[in-house]
Amino acid sequence: MFQGFDPAVVNFMWGIRFNNERTWFEAHKAEYKELFELPMKELCRDLYTAFNENHEELGMVSRVSRIYRDARRLFGRGPYKDHLWLTISPSADRWACTPVFWFELAPENYSYGLGYWMAQPLTLAKLRARMDRDPKTMEKLVRQVDKAEELHLSGKEFKRRKEAPSKLLDPWYNKRGGFSVGWEGPHDDLLWSPALKDHILEEWEKLVPLFRYLSTVDGDRDPTEEV
């Protein structure tokens, strides 16, 4: 059962950022297991169990990231991540391309929310087409998100903006690549407490209607095809 992270995990994360090589990691592997990997897996298991009890019909799966970077994508960086994340998503194979609930812990901060890591261009084209056809449904969802003052939309936008159906939808309509709705902030007492789990679940619950909407977008007709 998740009991909160130990504040010592912060020193470990900074340590691996500035000593990102095998010798240092092997000497501190026990710290990684105790301070980082184990509580992250406990948090993931507890979040998934509680979330699934309320939304079993969604058929979600859980995942905790590995600390080892993909050797094909080092790009001059060390072999280890200095942060870990967990996701609750509808697909283990395509989790990066589908809307997922996430929590992430990094040296500077932590964050949680709902979003896409790498939304495909066609997915976003279908989402824009939905907003064009029926702006009111998405506007209702956006207003619900806006009421949750702790949660904010983020992500890259088109340099040449597209004309959205309304001012309210403009920030959503003009996102490219991944985007998310969530919270990010500095380490605080909540992070060291078992109460973190319930807080994340409470904030995730506010995003379930948006998740249901986004999770069906890929099934829409390709808007570039001729009618």
Protein backbone atom coordinates (compact mmCIF):
# COMPACT_ATOMS: atom_id res chain seq x y z
CA MET A 1 0.00 0.00 0.00
CA PHE A 2 1.29 3.44 -0.93
CA GLN A 3 2.49 5.41 2.11
CA GLY A 4 3.93 8.45 0.36
CA PHE A 5 7.35 9.04 -1.18
CA ASP A 6 10.38 9.50 1.06
CA PRO A 7 11.83 13.03 0.68
CA ALA A 8 15.21 11.36 0.12
CA VAL A 9 14.02 10.44 -3.37
CA VAL A 10 14.69 14.03 -4.43
CA ASN A 11 18.40 13.67 -3.73
CA PHE A 12 18.44 10.42 -5.68
CA MET A 13 16.82 12.06 -8.72
CA TRP A 14 19.30 14.94 -8.69
CA GLY A 15 22.10 12.46 -8.17
CA ILE A 16 21.24 10.48 -11.27
CA ARG A 17 20.80 13.65 -13.30
CA PHE A 18 24.36 14.74 -12.59
CA ASN A 19 25.92 11.25 -12.45
CA ASN A 20 24.12 9.55 -15.30
CA GLU A 21 26.35 6.56 -15.85
CA ARG A 22 26.35 2.88 -14.95
CA THR A 23 28.91 2.95 -12.13
CA TRP A 24 26.99 5.56 -10.12
CA PHE A 25 23.64 3.90 -10.71
CA GLU A 26 24.84 0.43 -9.69
CA ALA A 27 26.28 1.89 -6.48
CA HIS A 28 22.88 3.50 -5.72
CA LYS A 29 20.58 0.82 -7.11
CA ALA A 30 19.25 -0.12 -3.69
CA GLU A 31 18.18 3.51 -3.18
CA TYR A 32 16.43 3.45 -6.53
CA LYS A 33 14.51 0.30 -5.62
CA GLU A 34 13.49 1.52 -2.15
CA LEU A 35 12.91 5.23 -2.73
CA PHE A 36 11.70 5.42 -6.32
CA GLU A 37 10.62 2.20 -8.00
CA LEU A 38 8.76 0.53 -5.12
CA PRO A 39 6.60 3.49 -4.03
CA MET A 40 5.86 4.38 -7.67
CA LYS A 41 4.63 0.83 -8.29
CA GLU A 42 2.60 0.90 -5.06
CA LEU A 43 1.02 4.20 -6.04
CA CYS A 44 0.23 2.87 -9.52
CA ARG A 45 -1.35 -0.28 -8.13
CA ASP A 46 -3.47 1.62 -5.61
CA LEU A 47 -4.56 4.22 -8.18
CA TYR A 48 -5.46 1.57 -10.73
CA THR A 49 -7.41 -0.52 -8.23
CA ALA A 50 -9.45 2.43 -7.00
CA PHE A 51 -9.99 3.92 -10.46
CA ASN A 52 -10.99 0.56 -11.94
CA GLU A 53 -13.55 -0.02 -9.20
CA ASN A 54 -15.42 3.08 -10.39
CA HIS A 55 -14.79 2.70 -14.13
CA GLU A 56 -14.37 -1.00 -14.85
CA GLU A 57 -16.28 -0.58 -18.13
CA LEU A 58 -13.41 1.48 -19.55
CA GLY A 59 -11.11 -1.55 -19.68
CA MET A 60 -8.03 0.36 -18.50
CA VAL A 61 -4.53 -0.96 -17.93
CA SER A 62 -1.69 0.45 -15.80
CA ARG A 63 1.96 1.00 -16.55
CA VAL A 64 5.05 2.30 -14.71
CA SER A 65 7.93 3.64 -16.76
CA ARG A 66 11.34 2.02 -16.61
CA ILE A 67 14.33 4.04 -15.46
CA TYR A 68 16.39 2.75 -18.38
CA ARG A 69 16.31 4.90 -21.51
CA ASP A 70 15.74 3.27 -24.89
CA ALA A 71 19.28 2.71 -26.21
CA ARG A 72 18.07 3.79 -29.66
CA ARG A 73 17.00 7.20 -28.35
CA LEU A 74 19.79 8.38 -26.06
CA PHE A 75 20.63 11.44 -28.22
CA GLY A 76 23.76 12.11 -26.19
CA ARG A 77 22.02 11.67 -22.84
CA GLY A 78 22.91 9.12 -20.18
CA PRO A 79 21.33 5.65 -20.06
CA TYR A 80 18.97 6.45 -17.18
CA LYS A 81 15.94 8.67 -16.67
CA ASP A 82 15.99 11.09 -13.74
CA HIS A 83 12.18 10.91 -13.51
CA LEU A 84 9.50 8.22 -13.51
CA TRP A 85 5.83 8.24 -14.41
CA LEU A 86 2.80 5.99 -14.27
CA THR A 87 -0.17 5.84 -16.59
CA ILE A 88 -3.70 4.46 -16.55
CA SER A 89 -4.75 4.00 -20.16
CA PRO A 90 -7.04 2.00 -22.46
CA SER A 91 -4.18 0.36 -24.36
CA ALA A 92 -0.77 -0.88 -23.24
CA ASP A 93 0.50 -0.98 -26.83
CA ARG A 94 -0.57 2.51 -27.97
CA TRP A 95 -0.57 4.35 -24.66
CA ALA A 96 1.48 7.25 -26.06
CA CYS A 97 -1.04 7.85 -28.86
CA THR A 98 -4.19 7.61 -26.77
CA PRO A 99 -5.50 9.79 -23.93
CA VAL A 100 -4.01 8.59 -20.64
CA PHE A 101 -4.23 9.53 -17.00
CA TRP A 102 -0.75 10.10 -15.62
CA PHE A 103 1.38 10.98 -12.62
CA GLU A 104 5.04 11.97 -12.96
CA LEU A 105 7.77 12.65 -10.40
CA ALA A 106 10.86 14.63 -11.48
CA PRO A 107 13.76 16.31 -9.62
CA GLU A 108 12.17 19.77 -9.78
CA ASN A 109 8.47 18.99 -9.45
CA TYR A 110 5.63 16.53 -9.86
CA SER A 111 2.54 16.53 -12.05
CA TYR A 112 -0.64 14.64 -12.87
CA GLY A 113 -3.53 14.87 -15.27
CA LEU A 114 -4.95 13.58 -18.55
CA GLY A 115 -3.47 13.92 -21.99
CA TYR A 116 -1.62 12.62 -25.01
CA TRP A 117 2.13 12.14 -25.11
CA MET A 118 2.16 11.93 -28.90
CA ALA A 119 -1.24 12.50 -30.45
CA GLN A 120 -1.19 11.53 -34.10
CA PRO A 121 -1.92 14.28 -36.66
CA LEU A 122 -4.95 12.33 -37.91
CA THR A 123 -6.31 12.07 -34.35
CA LEU A 124 -6.10 15.83 -33.91
CA ALA A 125 -7.64 16.40 -37.34
CA LYS A 126 -10.57 14.22 -36.29
CA LEU A 127 -10.85 16.14 -33.02
CA ARG A 128 -10.97 19.47 -34.88
CA ALA A 129 -13.59 18.05 -37.24
CA ARG A 130 -15.71 17.07 -34.22
CA MET A 131 -15.45 20.57 -32.83
CA ASP A 132 -16.49 21.98 -36.21
CA ARG A 133 -19.53 19.69 -36.41
CA ASP A 134 -20.61 20.00 -32.80
CA PRO A 135 -18.82 22.77 -30.87
CA LYS A 136 -21.32 22.80 -28.00
CA THR A 137 -20.39 19.33 -26.70
CA MET A 138 -16.71 20.18 -26.50
CA GLU A 139 -17.47 23.63 -25.06
CA LYS A 140 -19.40 21.97 -22.23
CA LEU A 141 -16.40 19.75 -21.47
CA VAL A 142 -14.01 22.69 -21.59
CA ARG A 143 -16.17 24.64 -19.13
CA GLN A 144 -16.09 21.66 -16.77
CA VAL A 145 -12.29 21.62 -16.96
CA ASP A 146 -12.11 25.38 -16.43
CA LYS A 147 -14.11 25.01 -13.21
CA ALA A 148 -11.33 22.79 -11.87
CA GLU A 149 -9.03 25.73 -11.20
CA GLU A 150 -6.09 23.48 -10.36
CA LEU A 151 -6.05 21.94 -13.87
CA HIS A 152 -4.66 23.72 -16.91
CA LEU A 153 -4.35 22.95 -20.62
CA SER A 154 -0.80 22.79 -21.98
CA GLY A 155 0.96 21.74 -25.17
CA LYS A 156 2.50 23.09 -28.35
CA GLU A 157 0.37 25.17 -30.71
CA PHE A 158 0.38 25.83 -34.44
CA LYS A 159 2.44 28.87 -35.41
CA ARG A 160 -0.15 29.64 -38.06
CA ARG A 161 -3.36 29.38 -36.10
CA LYS A 162 -6.43 27.65 -37.44
CA GLU A 163 -9.83 29.28 -37.13
CA ALA A 164 -11.68 27.60 -34.30
CA PRO A 165 -15.49 27.41 -33.99
CA SER A 166 -15.36 29.64 -30.90
CA LYS A 167 -12.97 31.59 -28.70
CA LEU A 168 -13.46 29.06 -25.91
CA LEU A 169 -12.29 26.21 -28.15
CA ASP A 170 -9.40 28.09 -29.76
CA PRO A 171 -6.63 26.80 -27.42
CA TRP A 172 -7.83 23.21 -27.89
CA TYR A 173 -8.35 23.55 -31.62
CA ASN A 174 -4.81 24.78 -32.20
CA LYS A 175 -2.84 22.13 -30.33
CA ARG A 176 -0.34 20.01 -32.27
CA GLY A 177 1.36 16.84 -31.09
CA GLY A 178 0.82 15.98 -27.47
CA PHE A 179 -1.34 18.06 -25.16
CA SER A 180 -2.57 17.62 -21.64
CA VAL A 181 -4.87 18.94 -18.94
CA GLY A 182 -3.20 18.77 -15.57
CA TRP A 183 -1.33 20.25 -12.66
CA GLU A 184 2.40 20.74 -12.18
CA GLY A 185 4.11 22.15 -9.12
CA PRO A 186 7.01 21.90 -6.68
CA HIS A 187 7.47 19.08 -4.22
CA ASP A 188 5.29 19.58 -1.15
CA ASP A 189 4.03 17.75 1.92
CA LEU A 190 1.32 15.98 -0.07
CA LEU A 191 4.00 14.09 -2.00
CA TRP A 192 5.28 12.48 1.21
CA SER A 193 1.78 11.47 2.35
CA PRO A 194 -0.59 8.55 1.61
CA ALA A 195 -3.17 11.28 0.87
CA LEU A 196 -1.47 11.83 -2.50
CA LYS A 197 -3.37 8.87 -3.94
CA ASP A 198 -6.81 10.21 -3.03
CA HIS A 199 -5.91 13.69 -4.25
CA ILE A 200 -4.85 12.38 -7.67
CA LEU A 201 -7.99 10.25 -7.93
CA GLU A 202 -10.16 13.27 -7.10
CA GLU A 203 -8.52 15.36 -9.82
CA TRP A 204 -8.60 12.52 -12.36
CA GLU A 205 -12.32 12.06 -11.71
CA LYS A 206 -12.96 15.61 -12.92
CA LEU A 207 -11.40 14.60 -16.25
CA VAL A 208 -13.29 11.36 -16.86
CA PRO A 209 -15.97 13.01 -19.08
CA LEU A 210 -13.21 14.53 -21.23
CA PHE A 211 -11.45 11.16 -21.37
CA ARG A 212 -14.62 9.45 -22.58
CA TYR A 213 -14.95 12.03 -25.32
CA LEU A 214 -11.32 11.88 -26.46
CA SER A 215 -11.07 8.10 -26.30
CA THR A 216 -13.61 7.72 -29.12
CA VAL A 217 -12.12 10.30 -31.49
CA ASP A 218 -9.95 7.79 -33.36
CA GLY A 219 -13.09 5.95 -34.43
CA ASP A 220 -14.38 8.96 -36.38
CA ARG A 221 -14.25 9.17 -40.16
CA ASP A 222 -11.06 10.59 -41.67
CA PRO A 223 -11.98 14.24 -42.35
CA THR A 224 -9.62 14.37 -45.33
CA GLU A 225 -11.59 11.71 -47.19
CA GLU A 226 -14.16 12.80 -49.73
CA VAL A 227 -17.74 12.37 -48.63
